[in-house]
């Protein structure tokens, strides 16, 4: 199912990463917790995520505004997940923030 978003403008946080061989169970548990916690934050709209068999993944979260993104980045539990990501789970990652000015869909 495609994520639900409002009419633009809104923002997308695009997190591309390459997982290493760190503790998969701990990673999966933290990922579930972060999705739940992010969805409780003011300004959160939705997200979508994908990871392939080689460990490459992309998560896109959608937010109302830049202030909401900034608050989420600074959230104490999210900061801990970021720290664990750098030390235990990711070989590399890249984060991009983009303003969505237009969107359209197709579906039957």
N, C-alpha and C. Protein backbone atom coordinates (compact mmCIF):
# COMPACT_ATOMS: atom_id res chain seq x y z
N UNK A 1 0.84 -1.18 0.00
CA UNK A 1 0.00 0.00 0.00
C UNK A 1 0.89 1.25 0.00
N UNK A 2 0.53 2.20 -0.80
CA UNK A 2 1.26 3.46 -0.87
C UNK A 2 0.93 4.33 0.35
N UNK A 3 1.90 5.10 0.82
CA UNK A 3 1.65 5.94 2.00
C UNK A 3 0.68 7.07 1.67
N UNK A 4 -0.09 7.44 2.66
CA UNK A 4 -1.02 8.56 2.53
C UNK A 4 -0.30 9.85 2.91
N UNK A 5 -0.40 10.84 2.05
CA UNK A 5 0.18 12.15 2.33
C UNK A 5 -0.85 13.22 1.98
N UNK A 6 -0.73 14.38 2.59
CA UNK A 6 -1.65 15.47 2.26
C UNK A 6 -1.27 16.12 0.93
N UNK A 7 -2.04 17.08 0.54
CA UNK A 7 -1.66 17.87 -0.63
C UNK A 7 -0.38 18.62 -0.32
N UNK A 8 0.53 18.71 -1.30
CA UNK A 8 1.78 19.44 -1.08
C UNK A 8 1.51 20.91 -0.78
N UNK A 9 2.47 21.58 -0.17
CA UNK A 9 3.83 21.12 0.11
C UNK A 9 3.93 20.36 1.43
N UNK A 10 4.89 19.46 1.49
CA UNK A 10 5.31 18.77 2.70
C UNK A 10 6.75 18.32 2.44
N UNK A 11 7.36 17.65 3.40
CA UNK A 11 8.77 17.29 3.27
C UNK A 11 8.98 15.79 3.32
N UNK A 12 10.01 15.34 2.63
CA UNK A 12 10.42 13.94 2.64
C UNK A 12 11.83 13.85 3.19
N UNK A 13 12.03 12.96 4.15
CA UNK A 13 13.36 12.63 4.66
C UNK A 13 13.71 11.28 4.05
N UNK A 14 14.75 11.26 3.23
CA UNK A 14 15.15 10.06 2.48
C UNK A 14 16.42 9.52 3.12
N UNK A 15 16.30 8.34 3.73
CA UNK A 15 17.42 7.72 4.44
C UNK A 15 17.82 6.46 3.67
N UNK A 16 18.95 6.53 2.99
CA UNK A 16 19.50 5.39 2.24
C UNK A 16 20.63 4.80 3.07
N UNK A 17 20.66 3.47 3.18
CA UNK A 17 21.67 2.86 4.05
C UNK A 17 22.11 1.50 3.54
N UNK A 18 23.28 1.12 3.99
CA UNK A 18 23.83 -0.22 3.73
C UNK A 18 24.07 -0.85 5.09
N UNK A 19 23.31 -1.90 5.40
CA UNK A 19 23.43 -2.61 6.68
C UNK A 19 24.70 -3.44 6.70
N UNK A 20 25.31 -3.53 7.87
CA UNK A 20 26.42 -4.46 8.04
C UNK A 20 25.88 -5.73 8.71
N UNK A 21 26.75 -6.56 9.23
CA UNK A 21 26.32 -7.83 9.81
C UNK A 21 26.03 -7.74 11.30
N UNK A 22 25.78 -6.54 11.80
CA UNK A 22 25.46 -6.37 13.22
C UNK A 22 24.20 -7.12 13.61
N UNK A 23 23.91 -7.13 14.88
CA UNK A 23 22.79 -7.87 15.49
C UNK A 23 21.47 -7.54 14.80
N UNK A 24 20.98 -8.46 13.96
CA UNK A 24 19.76 -8.23 13.18
C UNK A 24 18.53 -8.10 14.07
N UNK A 25 18.43 -8.92 15.09
CA UNK A 25 17.26 -8.87 15.97
C UNK A 25 17.18 -7.53 16.69
N UNK A 26 18.30 -7.06 17.22
CA UNK A 26 18.32 -5.76 17.90
C UNK A 26 17.96 -4.64 16.91
N UNK A 27 18.50 -4.75 15.69
CA UNK A 27 18.20 -3.75 14.67
C UNK A 27 16.70 -3.74 14.34
N UNK A 28 16.15 -4.92 14.10
CA UNK A 28 14.73 -5.01 13.76
C UNK A 28 13.85 -4.46 14.88
N UNK A 29 14.19 -4.77 16.11
CA UNK A 29 13.43 -4.24 17.25
C UNK A 29 13.51 -2.73 17.32
N UNK A 30 14.70 -2.18 17.10
CA UNK A 30 14.87 -0.73 17.14
C UNK A 30 14.10 -0.08 15.97
N UNK A 31 14.15 -0.69 14.81
CA UNK A 31 13.43 -0.14 13.65
C UNK A 31 11.93 -0.08 13.92
N UNK A 32 11.38 -1.14 14.50
CA UNK A 32 9.96 -1.16 14.85
C UNK A 32 9.65 -0.04 15.85
N UNK A 33 10.51 0.09 16.85
CA UNK A 33 10.31 1.14 17.86
C UNK A 33 10.37 2.53 17.23
N UNK A 34 11.31 2.77 16.32
CA UNK A 34 11.44 4.08 15.71
C UNK A 34 10.23 4.43 14.84
N UNK A 35 9.69 3.46 14.12
CA UNK A 35 8.50 3.71 13.32
C UNK A 35 7.34 4.10 14.23
N UNK A 36 7.16 3.36 15.30
CA UNK A 36 6.08 3.65 16.24
C UNK A 36 6.27 5.03 16.87
N UNK A 37 7.50 5.31 17.31
CA UNK A 37 7.78 6.59 17.95
C UNK A 37 7.65 7.76 16.98
N UNK A 38 8.17 7.61 15.78
CA UNK A 38 8.06 8.68 14.78
C UNK A 38 6.59 8.99 14.49
N UNK A 39 5.78 7.95 14.38
CA UNK A 39 4.37 8.16 14.05
C UNK A 39 3.61 8.91 15.14
N UNK A 40 4.18 8.98 16.33
CA UNK A 40 3.57 9.72 17.44
C UNK A 40 4.00 11.18 17.49
N UNK A 41 4.95 11.57 16.64
CA UNK A 41 5.50 12.92 16.68
C UNK A 41 4.62 13.90 15.92
N UNK A 42 4.53 15.11 16.46
CA UNK A 42 3.80 16.16 15.78
C UNK A 42 4.45 16.42 14.42
N UNK A 43 3.65 16.48 13.38
CA UNK A 43 4.15 16.77 12.05
C UNK A 43 4.45 15.55 11.20
N UNK A 44 4.47 14.35 11.83
CA UNK A 44 4.70 13.11 11.06
C UNK A 44 3.48 12.84 10.20
N UNK A 45 3.71 12.46 8.94
CA UNK A 45 2.62 12.16 8.02
C UNK A 45 2.53 10.68 7.69
N UNK A 46 3.64 10.07 7.28
CA UNK A 46 3.66 8.64 6.95
C UNK A 46 5.10 8.27 6.57
N UNK A 47 5.27 7.02 6.18
CA UNK A 47 6.59 6.58 5.74
C UNK A 47 6.44 5.36 4.82
N UNK A 48 7.53 5.04 4.14
CA UNK A 48 7.63 3.81 3.36
C UNK A 48 9.08 3.36 3.42
N UNK A 49 9.29 2.04 3.35
CA UNK A 49 10.63 1.52 3.56
C UNK A 49 10.85 0.26 2.74
N UNK A 50 12.11 0.04 2.34
CA UNK A 50 12.50 -1.13 1.56
C UNK A 50 13.94 -1.50 1.90
N UNK A 51 14.22 -2.78 2.00
CA UNK A 51 15.59 -3.27 2.15
C UNK A 51 15.73 -4.52 1.30
N UNK A 52 16.83 -4.60 0.51
CA UNK A 52 17.04 -5.78 -0.33
C UNK A 52 17.88 -6.84 0.39
N UNK A 53 18.09 -7.97 -0.26
CA UNK A 53 18.83 -9.09 0.34
C UNK A 53 20.31 -8.79 0.56
N UNK A 54 20.82 -7.75 -0.07
CA UNK A 54 22.23 -7.36 0.09
C UNK A 54 22.43 -6.33 1.20
N UNK A 55 21.35 -5.93 1.86
CA UNK A 55 21.46 -4.98 2.96
C UNK A 55 21.25 -3.53 2.59
N UNK A 56 21.03 -3.23 1.29
CA UNK A 56 20.76 -1.85 0.88
C UNK A 56 19.30 -1.53 1.16
N UNK A 57 19.05 -0.39 1.79
CA UNK A 57 17.69 -0.01 2.09
C UNK A 57 17.44 1.47 1.92
N UNK A 58 16.17 1.80 1.75
CA UNK A 58 15.74 3.19 1.67
C UNK A 58 14.47 3.32 2.50
N UNK A 59 14.47 4.29 3.39
CA UNK A 59 13.26 4.65 4.14
C UNK A 59 12.98 6.11 3.84
N UNK A 60 11.76 6.38 3.46
CA UNK A 60 11.33 7.76 3.23
C UNK A 60 10.23 8.06 4.24
N UNK A 61 10.47 9.06 5.06
CA UNK A 61 9.42 9.51 5.97
C UNK A 61 8.94 10.87 5.50
N UNK A 62 7.66 11.12 5.70
CA UNK A 62 7.03 12.35 5.23
C UNK A 62 6.61 13.17 6.44
N UNK A 63 6.89 14.48 6.34
CA UNK A 63 6.68 15.38 7.46
C UNK A 63 6.00 16.67 7.01
N UNK A 64 5.27 17.27 7.91
CA UNK A 64 4.54 18.51 7.64
C UNK A 64 5.48 19.67 7.36
N UNK A 65 6.58 19.77 8.14
CA UNK A 65 7.45 20.93 8.00
C UNK A 65 8.86 20.62 8.52
N UNK A 66 9.78 21.54 8.27
CA UNK A 66 11.17 21.35 8.70
C UNK A 66 11.32 21.35 10.22
N UNK A 67 10.50 22.09 10.91
CA UNK A 67 10.56 22.12 12.37
C UNK A 67 10.27 20.72 12.95
N UNK A 68 9.28 20.04 12.40
CA UNK A 68 8.95 18.68 12.86
C UNK A 68 10.11 17.73 12.62
N UNK A 69 10.77 17.86 11.48
CA UNK A 69 11.93 17.02 11.16
C UNK A 69 13.05 17.29 12.16
N UNK A 70 13.29 18.54 12.46
CA UNK A 70 14.35 18.92 13.39
C UNK A 70 14.08 18.37 14.79
N UNK A 71 12.84 18.46 15.24
CA UNK A 71 12.48 17.91 16.56
C UNK A 71 12.67 16.41 16.59
N UNK A 72 12.29 15.73 15.52
CA UNK A 72 12.46 14.28 15.46
C UNK A 72 13.94 13.91 15.50
N UNK A 73 14.76 14.63 14.79
CA UNK A 73 16.20 14.36 14.78
C UNK A 73 16.77 14.44 16.19
N UNK A 74 16.25 15.35 17.00
CA UNK A 74 16.78 15.59 18.34
C UNK A 74 16.12 14.74 19.43
N UNK A 75 15.09 13.98 19.08
CA UNK A 75 14.38 13.17 20.08
C UNK A 75 15.36 12.22 20.76
N UNK A 76 15.29 12.10 22.08
CA UNK A 76 16.28 11.35 22.84
C UNK A 76 16.38 9.89 22.41
N UNK A 77 15.26 9.21 22.18
CA UNK A 77 15.33 7.80 21.75
C UNK A 77 15.84 7.68 20.31
N UNK A 78 15.48 8.64 19.48
CA UNK A 78 15.97 8.63 18.11
C UNK A 78 17.47 8.88 18.09
N UNK A 79 17.96 9.73 18.98
CA UNK A 79 19.41 9.98 19.08
C UNK A 79 20.15 8.69 19.44
N UNK A 80 19.57 7.90 20.34
CA UNK A 80 20.18 6.62 20.71
C UNK A 80 20.20 5.66 19.51
N UNK A 81 19.11 5.63 18.74
CA UNK A 81 19.07 4.78 17.54
C UNK A 81 20.13 5.24 16.54
N UNK A 82 20.31 6.55 16.40
CA UNK A 82 21.33 7.07 15.50
C UNK A 82 22.72 6.62 15.95
N UNK A 83 22.98 6.70 17.24
CA UNK A 83 24.27 6.30 17.79
C UNK A 83 24.52 4.81 17.53
N UNK A 84 23.52 3.97 17.80
CA UNK A 84 23.65 2.53 17.57
C UNK A 84 23.81 2.23 16.07
N UNK A 85 23.14 2.99 15.24
CA UNK A 85 23.28 2.81 13.80
C UNK A 85 24.71 3.01 13.35
N UNK A 86 25.32 4.07 13.83
CA UNK A 86 26.72 4.37 13.46
C UNK A 86 27.69 3.34 14.02
N UNK A 87 27.46 2.89 15.24
CA UNK A 87 28.42 2.00 15.89
C UNK A 87 28.20 0.53 15.53
N UNK A 88 26.93 0.12 15.28
CA UNK A 88 26.63 -1.31 15.18
C UNK A 88 25.99 -1.77 13.88
N UNK A 89 25.19 -0.96 13.22
CA UNK A 89 24.30 -1.49 12.20
C UNK A 89 24.57 -1.06 10.77
N UNK A 90 25.17 0.10 10.56
CA UNK A 90 25.34 0.60 9.19
C UNK A 90 26.80 0.65 8.79
N UNK A 91 27.09 0.18 7.59
CA UNK A 91 28.40 0.38 7.00
C UNK A 91 28.50 1.79 6.44
N UNK A 92 27.37 2.28 5.93
CA UNK A 92 27.29 3.65 5.42
C UNK A 92 25.82 4.03 5.29
N UNK A 93 25.58 5.33 5.28
CA UNK A 93 24.24 5.83 5.03
C UNK A 93 24.32 7.25 4.49
N UNK A 94 23.21 7.67 3.91
CA UNK A 94 23.08 9.05 3.43
C UNK A 94 21.66 9.50 3.72
N UNK A 95 21.53 10.73 4.17
CA UNK A 95 20.22 11.29 4.47
C UNK A 95 20.01 12.54 3.62
N UNK A 96 18.84 12.63 3.04
CA UNK A 96 18.48 13.80 2.23
C UNK A 96 17.13 14.31 2.72
N UNK A 97 16.95 15.60 2.67
CA UNK A 97 15.66 16.20 3.00
C UNK A 97 15.21 16.99 1.78
N UNK A 98 13.99 16.71 1.34
CA UNK A 98 13.48 17.33 0.12
C UNK A 98 12.08 17.89 0.37
N UNK A 99 11.81 19.01 -0.24
CA UNK A 99 10.46 19.58 -0.19
C UNK A 99 9.66 19.00 -1.35
N UNK A 100 8.53 18.41 -1.02
CA UNK A 100 7.62 17.88 -2.04
C UNK A 100 6.70 19.01 -2.46
N UNK A 101 6.82 19.42 -3.70
CA UNK A 101 6.00 20.52 -4.21
C UNK A 101 4.84 20.03 -5.05
N UNK A 102 4.96 18.80 -5.54
CA UNK A 102 3.92 18.26 -6.40
C UNK A 102 3.90 16.75 -6.21
N UNK A 103 2.73 16.15 -6.23
CA UNK A 103 2.63 14.69 -6.28
C UNK A 103 1.37 14.31 -7.03
N UNK A 104 1.40 13.14 -7.61
CA UNK A 104 0.23 12.60 -8.29
C UNK A 104 0.30 11.10 -8.27
N UNK A 105 -0.83 10.46 -8.44
CA UNK A 105 -0.91 9.00 -8.30
C UNK A 105 -1.64 8.38 -9.48
N UNK A 106 -1.43 7.10 -9.62
CA UNK A 106 -2.20 6.26 -10.52
C UNK A 106 -2.60 5.02 -9.75
N UNK A 107 -3.76 4.56 -9.94
CA UNK A 107 -4.20 3.32 -9.29
C UNK A 107 -5.51 2.85 -9.87
N UNK A 108 -5.68 1.55 -9.92
CA UNK A 108 -6.93 0.96 -10.41
C UNK A 108 -7.73 0.42 -9.27
